Amino acid sequence: LLRSLRKKLAMKASVPPFVVFSDATLREMSEKKPVTKSELLRLQGVSIKKCERYGDTFTTAIKIYLSDKQKKI
């Protein structure tokens, strides 16, 4: 899910996906599941600029994922 989102954002900005977030950062997101910008900023590879640019998109995707997962239980 996070890689797909990263790819879509990278294509929109005409940049390689790693410019949005590295694979390591996506792995850490998948492990820690940040749902706020302040939680996202604690991850390695997330600068203030990247958080401002992509934070809402990624935290919203994680919130939706967690909500969908909870519904299945």
Protein backbone atom coordinates (compact mmCIF):
# COMPACT_ATOMS: atom_id res chain seq x y z
CA LEU A 1 0.00 0.00 0.00
CA LEU A 2 2.71 2.47 0.98
CA ARG A 3 4.88 1.65 -2.04
CA SER A 4 1.92 2.12 -4.37
CA LEU A 5 1.13 5.47 -2.79
CA ARG A 6 4.77 6.53 -3.02
CA LYS A 7 4.90 5.56 -6.70
CA LYS A 8 1.75 7.54 -7.48
CA LEU A 9 3.11 10.65 -5.75
CA ALA A 10 6.50 10.27 -7.44
CA MET A 11 4.92 9.97 -10.87
CA LYS A 12 2.80 13.05 -10.21
CA ALA A 13 5.92 15.03 -9.23
CA SER A 14 8.05 13.48 -12.03
CA VAL A 15 10.67 12.24 -9.57
CA PRO A 16 12.01 8.78 -8.71
CA PRO A 17 10.08 7.07 -5.88
CA PHE A 18 13.02 7.21 -3.45
CA VAL A 19 12.81 11.01 -3.55
CA VAL A 20 9.40 10.79 -1.86
CA PHE A 21 10.52 8.30 0.81
CA SER A 22 13.17 5.57 0.84
CA ASP A 23 12.35 1.87 1.16
CA ALA A 24 13.78 1.98 4.69
CA THR A 25 11.42 4.79 5.64
CA LEU A 26 8.44 2.90 4.20
CA ARG A 27 9.46 -0.19 6.19
CA GLU A 28 9.61 1.87 9.36
CA MET A 29 6.19 3.35 8.55
CA SER A 30 4.76 -0.13 8.12
CA GLU A 31 6.23 -1.20 11.47
CA LYS A 32 5.35 1.88 13.55
CA LYS A 33 2.18 2.95 11.70
CA PRO A 34 2.32 6.69 12.41
CA VAL A 35 -1.10 8.35 12.27
CA THR A 36 -0.04 11.93 13.05
CA LYS A 37 2.54 14.21 11.52
CA SER A 38 4.44 14.36 14.81
CA GLU A 39 4.70 10.55 14.84
CA LEU A 40 5.78 10.61 11.20
CA LEU A 41 8.53 13.14 11.96
CA ARG A 42 10.07 10.69 14.44
CA LEU A 43 10.87 8.28 11.60
CA GLN A 44 14.28 8.26 9.99
CA GLY A 45 14.20 9.88 6.56
CA VAL A 46 11.20 12.12 7.24
CA SER A 47 12.17 15.78 7.14
CA ILE A 48 9.88 18.67 8.00
CA LYS A 49 9.60 19.46 4.30
CA LYS A 50 8.65 15.88 3.38
CA CYS A 51 6.24 15.75 6.28
CA GLU A 52 4.54 18.93 5.11
CA ARG A 53 4.41 17.71 1.51
CA TYR A 54 3.43 14.06 2.02
CA GLY A 55 2.50 13.67 5.69
CA ASP A 56 -1.26 13.99 5.41
CA THR A 57 -1.39 11.58 2.49
CA PHE A 58 0.62 8.85 4.22
CA THR A 59 -0.94 9.21 7.67
CA THR A 60 -4.42 9.13 6.14
CA ALA A 61 -3.54 5.96 4.21
CA ILE A 62 -2.27 4.35 7.41
CA LYS A 63 -5.42 5.39 9.33
CA ILE A 64 -7.62 3.87 6.61
CA TYR A 65 -5.55 0.68 6.62
CA LEU A 66 -5.81 0.35 10.40
CA SER A 67 -9.55 1.07 10.31
CA ASP A 68 -10.14 -1.54 7.60
CA LYS A 69 -8.02 -4.05 9.49
CA GLN A 70 -10.01 -3.41 12.68
CA LYS A 71 -13.31 -3.97 10.82
CA LYS A 72 -12.14 -7.42 9.74
CA ILE A 73 -11.56 -8.52 13.32
